[in-house]
C-alpha atoms as a PDB file:
ATOM      1  CA  ILE A   1      48.309-138.888 156.734  1.00  0.00           C
ATOM      2  CA  ASN A   2      49.235-139.687 153.139  1.00  0.00           C
ATOM      3  CA  ILE A   3      50.999-142.923 152.337  1.00  0.00           C
ATOM      4  CA  TYR A   4      53.586-141.123 150.219  1.00  0.00           C
ATOM      5  CA  GLN A   5      54.724-139.256 153.345  1.00  0.00           C
ATOM      6  CA  HIS A   6      55.515-142.499 155.182  1.00  0.00           C
ATOM      7  CA  ALA A   7      59.276-142.589 155.888  1.00  0.00           C
ATOM      8  CA  LYS A   8      59.535-146.386 155.759  1.00  0.00           C
ATOM      9  CA  LEU A   9      57.861-146.559 152.349  1.00  0.00           C
ATOM     10  CA  GLN A  10      60.175-143.828 151.081  1.00  0.00           C
ATOM     11  CA  LYS A  11      63.161-145.808 152.284  1.00  0.00           C
ATOM     12  CA  LEU A  12      61.896-149.094 150.798  1.00  0.00           C
ATOM     13  CA  SER A  13      61.032-147.520 147.440  1.00  0.00           C
ATOM     14  CA  GLY A  14      64.077-145.295 147.180  1.00  0.00           C
ATOM     15  CA  LYS A  15      61.783-142.359 146.370  1.00  0.00           C
ATOM     16  CA  ASN A  16      61.090-139.212 148.330  1.00  0.00           C
ATOM     17  CA  ALA A  17      57.557-138.059 149.171  1.00  0.00           C
ATOM     18  CA  GLU A  18      57.230-136.078 145.942  1.00  0.00           C
ATOM     19  CA  GLY A  19      58.371-139.061 143.860  1.00  0.00           C
ATOM     20  CA  LEU A  20      55.915-141.385 145.595  1.00  0.00           C
ATOM     21  CA  LYS A  21      53.081-138.888 145.204  1.00  0.00           C
ATOM     22  CA  ASN A  22      53.792-138.534 141.482  1.00  0.00           C
ATOM     23  CA  ALA A  23      53.874-142.327 141.112  1.00  0.00           C
ATOM     24  CA  MET A  24      50.499-142.538 142.882  1.00  0.00           C
ATOM     25  CA  VAL A  25      49.014-139.885 140.618  1.00  0.00           C
ATOM     26  CA  GLU A  26      50.360-141.654 137.531  1.00  0.00           C
ATOM     27  CA  ASN A  27      48.844-144.944 138.709  1.00  0.00           C
ATOM     28  CA  LEU A  28      45.528-143.276 139.559  1.00  0.00           C
ATOM     29  CA  ARG A  29      45.337-141.717 136.108  1.00  0.00           C
ATOM     30  CA  LYS A  30      46.090-145.050 134.451  1.00  0.00           C
ATOM     31  CA  ILE A  31      43.556-146.995 136.524  1.00  0.00           C
ATOM     32  CA  THR A  32      40.796-144.413 136.154  1.00  0.00           C
ATOM     33  CA  ASN A  33      41.397-144.207 132.396  1.00  0.00           C
ATOM     34  CA  ASP A  34      41.437-148.003 132.035  1.00  0.00           C
ATOM     35  CA  PHE A  35      38.233-148.362 134.078  1.00  0.00           C
ATOM     36  CA  PRO A  36      36.277-145.120 133.535  1.00  0.00           C
ATOM     37  CA  GLN A  37      32.910-146.631 134.486  1.00  0.00           C
ATOM     38  CA  LEU A  38      33.935-147.171 138.121  1.00  0.00           C
ATOM     39  CA  GLU A  39      33.580-144.656 140.949  1.00  0.00           C
ATOM     40  CA  TYR A  40      36.732-143.961 142.949  1.00  0.00           C
ATOM     41  CA  ALA A  41      37.406-142.897 146.530  1.00  0.00           C
ATOM     42  CA  LEU A  42      40.738-141.771 147.927  1.00  0.00           C
ATOM     43  CA  VAL A  43      41.660-142.324 151.554  1.00  0.00           C
ATOM     44  CA  ASN A  44      43.155-139.101 152.914  1.00  0.00           C
ATOM     45  CA  GLY A  45      43.565-137.934 149.330  1.00  0.00           C
ATOM     46  CA  GLU A  46      42.660-134.287 149.725  1.00  0.00           C
ATOM     47  CA  ASP A  47      46.167-133.061 148.884  1.00  0.00           C
ATOM     48  CA  ILE A  48      46.215-135.042 145.651  1.00  0.00           C
ATOM     49  CA  LEU A  49      42.786-133.833 144.510  1.00  0.00           C
ATOM     50  CA  LEU A  50      43.688-130.239 145.285  1.00  0.00           C
ATOM     51  CA  GLU A  51      47.041-130.413 143.507  1.00  0.00           C
ATOM     52  CA  PHE A  52      45.776-132.450 140.533  1.00  0.00           C
ATOM     53  CA  PRO A  53      42.271-131.148 139.790  1.00  0.00           C
ATOM     54  CA  ASP A  54      41.877-133.363 136.704  1.00  0.00           C
ATOM     55  CA  LEU A  55      41.533-136.323 139.082  1.00  0.00           C
ATOM     56  CA  ARG A  56      38.400-134.765 140.627  1.00  0.00           C
ATOM     57  CA  GLU A  57      36.490-135.863 137.547  1.00  0.00           C
ATOM     58  CA  LYS A  58      37.379-139.481 138.358  1.00  0.00           C
ATOM     59  CA  ALA A  59      37.624-139.655 142.159  1.00  0.00           C
ATOM     60  CA  LYS A  60      34.420-138.259 143.598  1.00  0.00           C
ATOM     61  CA  TYR A  61      34.968-139.311 147.211  1.00  0.00           C
ATOM     62  CA  ILE A  62      37.509-138.669 149.952  1.00  0.00           C
ATOM     63  CA  ILE A  63      37.512-140.930 153.001  1.00  0.00           C
ATOM     64  CA  VAL A  64      38.914-139.484 156.222  1.00  0.00           C
ATOM     65  CA  GLU A  65      39.310-141.266 159.537  1.00  0.00           C
ATOM     66  CA  SER A  66      39.613-139.749 162.986  1.00  0.00           C
ATOM     67  CA  LEU A  67      39.475-136.162 161.748  1.00  0.00           C
ATOM     68  CA  PHE A  68      37.436-134.750 164.632  1.00  0.00           C
ATOM     69  CA  PHE A  69      38.574-136.974 167.519  1.00  0.00           C
ATOM     70  CA  SER A  70      41.780-138.590 168.715  1.00  0.00           C
ATOM     71  CA  LYS A  71      41.550-141.186 171.475  1.00  0.00           C
ATOM     72  CA  GLY A  72      38.047-139.983 172.295  1.00  0.00           C
ATOM     73  CA  GLN A  73      39.095-136.340 172.633  1.00  0.00           C
ATOM     74  CA  LEU A  74      37.871-133.585 170.343  1.00  0.00           C
ATOM     75  CA  VAL A  75      40.756-132.128 168.287  1.00  0.00           C
ATOM     76  CA  THR A  76      38.992-129.331 166.426  1.00  0.00           C
ATOM     77  CA  ASN A  77      41.205-126.715 168.057  1.00  0.00           C
ATOM     78  CA  THR A  78      44.434-128.042 166.507  1.00  0.00           C
ATOM     79  CA  GLU A  79      46.312-126.565 163.556  1.00  0.00           C
ATOM     80  CA  ASP A  80      46.242-129.929 161.787  1.00  0.00           C
ATOM     81  CA  PHE A  81      42.446-130.097 162.025  1.00  0.00           C
ATOM     82  CA  VAL A  82      41.979-126.540 160.752  1.00  0.00           C
ATOM     83  CA  ARG A  83      44.349-127.141 157.831  1.00  0.00           C
ATOM     84  CA  ARG A  84      42.685-130.419 156.841  1.00  0.00           C
ATOM     85  CA  VAL A  85      39.102-129.224 157.229  1.00  0.00           C
ATOM     86  CA  ASN A  86      39.871-126.168 155.068  1.00  0.00           C
ATOM     87  CA  LYS A  87      41.164-128.452 152.312  1.00  0.00           C
ATOM     88  CA  LEU A  88      38.228-130.822 152.650  1.00  0.00           C
ATOM     89  CA  THR A  89      35.601-128.069 152.574  1.00  0.00           C
ATOM     90  CA  GLN A  90      37.269-126.650 149.473  1.00  0.00           C
ATOM     91  CA  LEU A  91      36.816-130.052 147.828  1.00  0.00           C
ATOM     92  CA  VAL A  92      33.175-130.220 148.973  1.00  0.00           C
ATOM     93  CA  LYS A  93      32.644-126.900 147.159  1.00  0.00           C
ATOM     94  CA  ASN A  94      34.124-128.578 144.063  1.00  0.00           C
ATOM     95  CA  GLY A  95      31.619-131.445 144.191  1.00  0.00           C
ATOM     96  CA  ILE A  96      33.691-134.027 146.088  1.00  0.00           C
ATOM     97  CA  THR A  97      31.873-136.033 148.766  1.00  0.00           C
ATOM     98  CA  VAL A  98      33.774-136.365 152.042  1.00  0.00           C
ATOM     99  CA  LEU A  99      33.069-139.607 153.883  1.00  0.00           C
ATOM    100  CA  SER A 100      34.130-139.222 157.504  1.00  0.00           C
ATOM    101  CA  VAL A 101      34.666-142.124 159.917  1.00  0.00           C
ATOM    102  CA  GLU A 102      35.149-141.629 163.643  1.00  0.00           C
ATOM    103  CA  TYR A 103      35.910-144.470 166.056  1.00  0.00           C
ATOM    104  CA  ILE A 104      34.064-143.022 169.039  1.00  0.00           C
ATOM    105  CA  ASP A 105      31.118-145.252 169.999  1.00  0.00           C
ATOM    106  CA  ASN A 106      31.723-147.468 173.020  1.00  0.00           C
ATOM    107  CA  GLY A 107      28.317-149.093 172.532  1.00  0.00           C
ATOM    108  CA  ASN A 108      26.861-147.855 175.815  1.00  0.00           C
ATOM    109  CA  PRO A 109      23.776-145.660 175.263  1.00  0.00           C
ATOM    110  CA  LEU A 110      23.718-144.812 178.971  1.00  0.00           C
ATOM    111  CA  ASP A 111      27.225-143.323 178.943  1.00  0.00           C
ATOM    112  CA  ASN A 112      26.617-139.568 178.742  1.00  0.00           C
ATOM    113  CA  LYS A 113      30.150-138.840 177.490  1.00  0.00           C
ATOM    114  CA  ASN A 114      29.670-141.362 174.680  1.00  0.00           C
ATOM    115  CA  VAL A 115      26.319-139.818 173.733  1.00  0.00           C
ATOM    116  CA  GLU A 116      27.820-136.313 173.725  1.00  0.00           C
ATOM    117  CA  ARG A 117      30.787-137.445 171.566  1.00  0.00           C
ATOM    118  CA  ILE A 118      28.406-138.919 169.015  1.00  0.00           C
ATOM    119  CA  LYS A 119      26.126-135.875 168.970  1.00  0.00           C
ATOM    120  CA  THR A 120      29.111-133.531 168.669  1.00  0.00           C
ATOM    121  CA  TYR A 121      30.532-135.548 165.781  1.00  0.00           C
ATOM    122  CA  VAL A 122      27.239-135.650 163.875  1.00  0.00           C
ATOM    123  CA  SER A 123      26.783-131.916 164.357  1.00  0.00           C
ATOM    124  CA  LEU A 124      30.317-131.095 163.164  1.00  0.00           C
ATOM    125  CA  ALA A 125      30.161-133.429 160.173  1.00  0.00           C
ATOM    126  CA  ARG A 126      26.889-131.845 159.077  1.00  0.00           C
ATOM    127  CA  LYS A 127      28.321-128.350 159.631  1.00  0.00           C
ATOM    128  CA  TYR A 128      31.109-129.052 157.126  1.00  0.00           C
ATOM    129  CA  GLY A 129      28.913-130.955 154.675  1.00  0.00           C
ATOM    130  CA  PHE A 130      30.534-134.350 155.285  1.00  0.00           C
ATOM    131  CA  LYS A 131      28.809-137.739 155.263  1.00  0.00           C
ATOM    132  CA  TYR A 132      29.465-139.360 158.615  1.00  0.00           C
ATOM    133  CA  TYR A 133      29.857-142.850 160.029  1.00  0.00           C
ATOM    134  CA  ILE A 134      30.121-143.589 163.730  1.00  0.00           C
ATOM    135  CA  ALA A 135      32.310-146.641 164.236  1.00  0.00           C
ATOM    136  CA  ARG A 136      32.452-148.733 167.376  1.00  0.00           C
ATOM    137  CA  LEU A 137      35.695-148.836 169.318  1.00  0.00           C
ATOM    138  CA  ASP A 138      35.457-152.615 169.699  1.00  0.00           C
ATOM    139  CA  MET A 139      34.306-153.618 166.203  1.00  0.00           C
ATOM    140  CA  LYS A 140      35.864-153.770 162.762  1.00  0.00           C
ATOM    141  CA  LEU A 141      34.416-151.756 159.911  1.00  0.00           C
ATOM    142  CA  ASN A 142      33.034-154.894 158.264  1.00  0.00           C
ATOM    143  CA  VAL A 143      30.284-154.867 160.925  1.00  0.00           C
ATOM    144  CA  VAL A 144      27.688-152.119 160.544  1.00  0.00           C
ATOM    145  CA  ASN A 145      27.306-149.994 163.656  1.00  0.00           C
ATOM    146  CA  ILE A 146      24.019-148.348 164.533  1.00  0.00           C
ATOM    147  CA  PRO A 147      24.663-146.175 167.599  1.00  0.00           C
ATOM    148  CA  ARG A 148      21.986-146.252 170.256  1.00  0.00           C
ATOM    149  CA  ILE A 149      21.359-142.857 171.759  1.00  0.00           C
ATOM    150  CA  PRO A 150      18.459-142.172 174.111  1.00  0.00           C
ATOM    151  CA  ASN A 151      16.062-139.410 173.136  1.00  0.00           C
ATOM    152  CA  SER A 152      16.934-136.102 174.724  1.00  0.00           C
ATOM    153  CA  LYS A 153      14.544-134.799 177.364  1.00  0.00           C
ATOM    154  CA  ASP A 154      14.499-131.226 176.154  1.00  0.00           C
END
C-alpha cells in the first residue's frame, strides 16, 4: 500500500520501512513549508497522516485506489478493508477529504453486474463520507469517465 513498505525500494535505498517513512515525512515537511500556498494530496497516505498529525494542516486530501473492489469483486468483508476504512474515516472526522477511485466500469450500461457494482460503490463511498470517482477498466485516468447507468424502474 505505502511506497515505504515496498521491499525493492528498501533494498535499493538501503533503508528499512521505518527509515523510508521518516525520509518521506521529512521531505513532505520541507516541501509543504517551502510551498505553503499549495494544497497537497497523499496517495495511500493515511498511516502518515495518522502518525504525524502536524501534516494534516498541509495535506488535506488522501487518494485511495481500489479500496472497495479487487478485480471487480467487492472486498468489504476483508480485514484489510476494515483496517483501512477505519483509518480513513478517522481522518475524515479530522477534516481530511478522502478521494476514492475504483476501476469498475466496463462501459456497458446494459450490463446489470456493471450497474450494480457502480451503484454499490457510490453507496459505500457516500456511507463513509468519501468523494468517489468511477474509472473505466479500459481507459487511463487522463480521460474523464462519466458512467452511463439506466434509470431504475422502481
